[in-house]
Amino acid sequence: HTWTDDEIGKFREHHPLGTMARLTLELGRNSSARACNLNDIERSHIIRGKLHVAHAKDNEETIVPLLPETKAAIEALPTAPIRHLITTVFGKPFSDKGISNKMRQWCDEAGLPQCSLHGLRKATSRQLAESGATDAQGRAVTGHKKDATFAYYARMADRERLAEQALSNLSKERDSNAS
């Protein structure tokens, strides 16, 4: 399931800033990382306001600016000398399965049984497509190697909205050529 913007909002309402659930959501959206990468994100991976993520599956590194929501979620956590950003209540990083299971619990608590950690990756791809990002720009965020893979994830984009943007751009182009 690809998260909708309303579902993201509902999760945020249920899990406020300062919670590990909220940080996980924001880092997941910002990085588009898989569970195996998300649980390995360390404070040292933030360099000059950008998050460096080594995507394990395709061995692709991405360097993405921190979104304001992600910065706020990081800053809302208590300052502690903990290496990993997302940790268990014991201050240890989650296992791959552990972070997925914990996100499942957080989604259920927010009344979102259809949502999952992997669905955030799809939501980011959809949002990138809706914002007008090219496949190359989308892959620079998600770490996908192939356009076809990114396009598969982005397929849930609001086609009506994309058509309006495309025709608006076309109208602007025609107007500028007519001048």
Protein backbone atom coordinates (compact mmCIF):
# COMPACT_ATOMS: atom_id res chain seq x y z
CA HIS A 1 0.00 0.00 0.00
CA THR A 2 1.26 3.47 -0.93
CA TRP A 3 0.62 5.93 1.90
CA THR A 4 -1.64 8.85 1.03
CA ASP A 5 -0.95 12.39 2.22
CA ASP A 6 -3.95 12.05 4.57
CA GLU A 7 -2.49 8.89 6.10
CA ILE A 8 0.85 10.63 6.65
CA GLY A 9 -1.04 13.45 8.37
CA LYS A 10 -2.98 11.01 10.54
CA PHE A 11 0.24 9.27 11.62
CA ARG A 12 1.79 12.64 12.48
CA GLU A 13 -1.26 13.60 14.55
CA HIS A 14 -1.06 10.37 16.53
CA HIS A 15 2.74 10.34 16.92
CA PRO A 16 3.94 13.87 17.74
CA LEU A 17 7.43 15.29 17.45
CA GLY A 18 9.70 13.86 20.12
CA THR A 19 8.63 10.25 19.55
CA MET A 20 10.68 7.55 17.85
CA ALA A 21 7.62 6.75 15.72
CA ARG A 22 7.59 10.26 14.29
CA LEU A 23 11.34 10.27 13.68
CA THR A 24 11.04 6.95 11.84
CA LEU A 25 8.26 8.32 9.64
CA GLU A 26 10.17 11.49 8.79
CA LEU A 27 13.49 9.74 8.14
CA GLY A 28 11.68 7.11 6.06
CA ARG A 29 9.99 9.77 3.94
CA ASN A 30 13.09 11.93 3.60
CA SER A 31 15.53 9.14 2.78
CA SER A 32 13.20 6.72 1.00
CA ALA A 33 15.36 4.06 2.64
CA ARG A 34 14.52 0.42 3.03
CA ALA A 35 14.24 -1.00 6.56
CA CYS A 36 17.78 -2.42 6.32
CA ASN A 37 19.12 1.07 5.59
CA LEU A 38 16.84 3.09 7.84
CA ASN A 39 17.88 1.26 10.98
CA ASP A 40 21.55 1.95 10.16
CA ILE A 41 21.27 5.73 9.81
CA GLU A 42 23.69 7.36 12.22
CA ARG A 43 24.12 10.94 13.35
CA SER A 44 27.41 10.99 11.43
CA HIS A 45 25.45 10.42 8.19
CA ILE A 46 24.16 13.99 8.39
CA ILE A 47 26.80 16.21 6.80
CA ARG A 48 26.19 19.90 6.15
CA GLY A 49 22.41 19.48 6.32
CA LYS A 50 22.33 16.49 3.99
CA LEU A 51 21.60 12.87 4.76
CA HIS A 52 24.00 10.33 3.24
CA VAL A 53 22.37 6.92 2.79
CA ALA A 54 24.08 3.84 1.36
CA HIS A 55 21.21 1.82 -0.13
CA ALA A 56 22.08 -1.82 0.47
CA LYS A 57 20.06 -3.49 -2.29
CA ASP A 58 21.53 -1.70 -5.29
CA ASN A 59 24.67 -0.39 -3.57
CA GLU A 60 23.64 3.14 -4.51
CA GLU A 61 24.49 6.03 -2.22
CA THR A 62 22.10 8.93 -2.07
CA ILE A 63 22.77 12.35 -0.62
CA VAL A 64 19.54 14.20 0.10
CA PRO A 65 18.86 17.50 1.86
CA LEU A 66 17.13 17.14 5.20
CA LEU A 67 13.52 18.19 4.90
CA PRO A 68 12.25 20.65 7.53
CA GLU A 69 9.97 17.95 9.00
CA THR A 70 12.94 15.59 9.42
CA LYS A 71 15.09 18.27 11.03
CA ALA A 72 12.28 19.05 13.47
CA ALA A 73 11.89 15.35 14.34
CA ILE A 74 15.63 14.96 14.99
CA GLU A 75 15.80 18.15 17.05
CA ALA A 76 12.74 17.12 19.11
CA LEU A 77 14.50 14.05 20.48
CA PRO A 78 16.54 14.38 23.65
CA THR A 79 20.20 15.01 22.94
CA ALA A 80 22.11 11.88 23.76
CA PRO A 81 25.42 10.36 22.78
CA ILE A 82 23.65 7.65 20.80
CA ARG A 83 25.21 6.79 17.46
CA HIS A 84 22.10 5.59 15.61
CA LEU A 85 19.15 7.93 15.11
CA ILE A 86 16.40 5.31 15.33
CA THR A 87 16.79 3.13 18.39
CA THR A 88 14.89 0.79 20.65
CA VAL A 89 13.95 1.88 24.17
CA PHE A 90 17.33 0.40 25.18
CA GLY A 91 19.25 2.77 22.88
CA LYS A 92 20.22 0.01 20.45
CA PRO A 93 19.55 0.05 16.69
CA PHE A 94 16.65 -2.06 15.48
CA SER A 95 17.19 -5.19 13.40
CA ASP A 96 15.74 -5.09 9.88
CA LYS A 97 12.73 -7.12 10.95
CA GLY A 98 12.50 -5.27 14.26
CA ILE A 99 12.10 -1.81 12.68
CA SER A 100 9.46 -3.14 10.28
CA ASN A 101 7.56 -4.78 13.14
CA LYS A 102 7.77 -1.66 15.29
CA MET A 103 6.48 0.50 12.42
CA ARG A 104 3.62 -1.99 12.01
CA GLN A 105 2.77 -1.43 15.70
CA TRP A 106 2.97 2.37 15.34
CA CYS A 107 0.73 2.29 12.25
CA ASP A 108 -1.82 0.12 14.05
CA GLU A 109 -1.79 2.51 17.02
CA ALA A 110 -2.54 5.38 14.61
CA GLY A 111 -5.45 3.48 13.05
CA LEU A 112 -3.54 2.78 9.83
CA PRO A 113 -3.47 -1.04 9.51
CA GLN A 114 -3.02 -0.78 5.74
CA CYS A 115 0.24 1.20 6.06
CA SER A 116 3.78 -0.14 6.44
CA LEU A 117 7.36 1.04 6.42
CA HIS A 118 7.82 -0.02 2.80
CA GLY A 119 4.73 1.94 1.83
CA LEU A 120 6.57 5.14 2.86
CA ARG A 121 9.13 4.44 0.14
CA LYS A 122 6.28 4.22 -2.35
CA ALA A 123 4.71 7.42 -0.95
CA THR A 124 7.95 9.36 -1.41
CA SER A 125 8.21 8.12 -5.00
CA ARG A 126 4.60 9.17 -5.63
CA GLN A 127 5.16 12.59 -4.09
CA LEU A 128 8.32 13.09 -6.15
CA ALA A 129 6.42 12.26 -9.34
CA GLU A 130 3.58 14.60 -8.38
CA SER A 131 6.06 17.41 -7.74
CA GLY A 132 7.32 17.09 -11.31
CA ALA A 133 10.57 15.28 -10.53
CA THR A 134 12.09 13.42 -13.47
CA ASP A 135 12.86 9.73 -13.13
CA ALA A 136 16.57 10.61 -12.74
CA GLN A 137 15.74 13.07 -9.94
CA GLY A 138 13.50 10.51 -8.24
CA ARG A 139 16.18 7.83 -8.46
CA ALA A 140 18.68 10.29 -6.91
CA VAL A 141 16.45 10.27 -3.81
CA THR A 142 15.28 6.65 -3.73
CA GLY A 143 18.51 4.97 -4.79
CA HIS A 144 16.85 2.96 -7.58
CA LYS A 145 19.21 2.09 -10.43
CA LYS A 146 16.60 1.79 -13.17
CA ASP A 147 13.98 4.26 -14.37
CA ALA A 148 11.51 1.38 -14.66
CA THR A 149 11.85 0.54 -10.97
CA PHE A 150 11.32 4.12 -9.87
CA ALA A 151 8.39 4.45 -12.30
CA TYR A 152 6.82 1.33 -10.76
CA TYR A 153 6.90 2.95 -7.32
CA ALA A 154 5.75 6.33 -8.65
CA ARG A 155 2.78 4.89 -10.54
CA MET A 156 0.37 5.89 -7.79
CA ALA A 157 0.95 9.56 -8.57
CA ASP A 158 -2.19 11.64 -8.95
CA ARG A 159 -2.52 11.49 -12.74
CA GLU A 160 -5.13 14.26 -12.85
CA ARG A 161 -2.78 16.61 -10.99
CA LEU A 162 0.13 15.62 -13.25
CA ALA A 163 -1.97 16.25 -16.37
CA GLU A 164 -2.91 19.72 -15.08
CA GLN A 165 0.76 20.52 -14.42
CA ALA A 166 1.83 19.23 -17.83
CA LEU A 167 -0.79 21.22 -19.73
CA SER A 168 -0.04 24.31 -17.65
CA ASN A 169 3.63 23.97 -18.60
CA LEU A 170 2.65 23.47 -22.24
CA SER A 171 0.49 26.61 -22.17
CA LYS A 172 3.36 28.61 -20.65
CA GLU A 173 5.74 27.30 -23.31
CA ARG A 174 3.32 28.21 -26.13
CA ASP A 175 2.77 31.68 -24.65
CA SER A 176 6.51 32.35 -24.42
CA ASN A 177 7.08 31.15 -28.02
CA ALA A 178 4.25 33.36 -29.30
CA SER A 179 5.92 36.45 -27.85
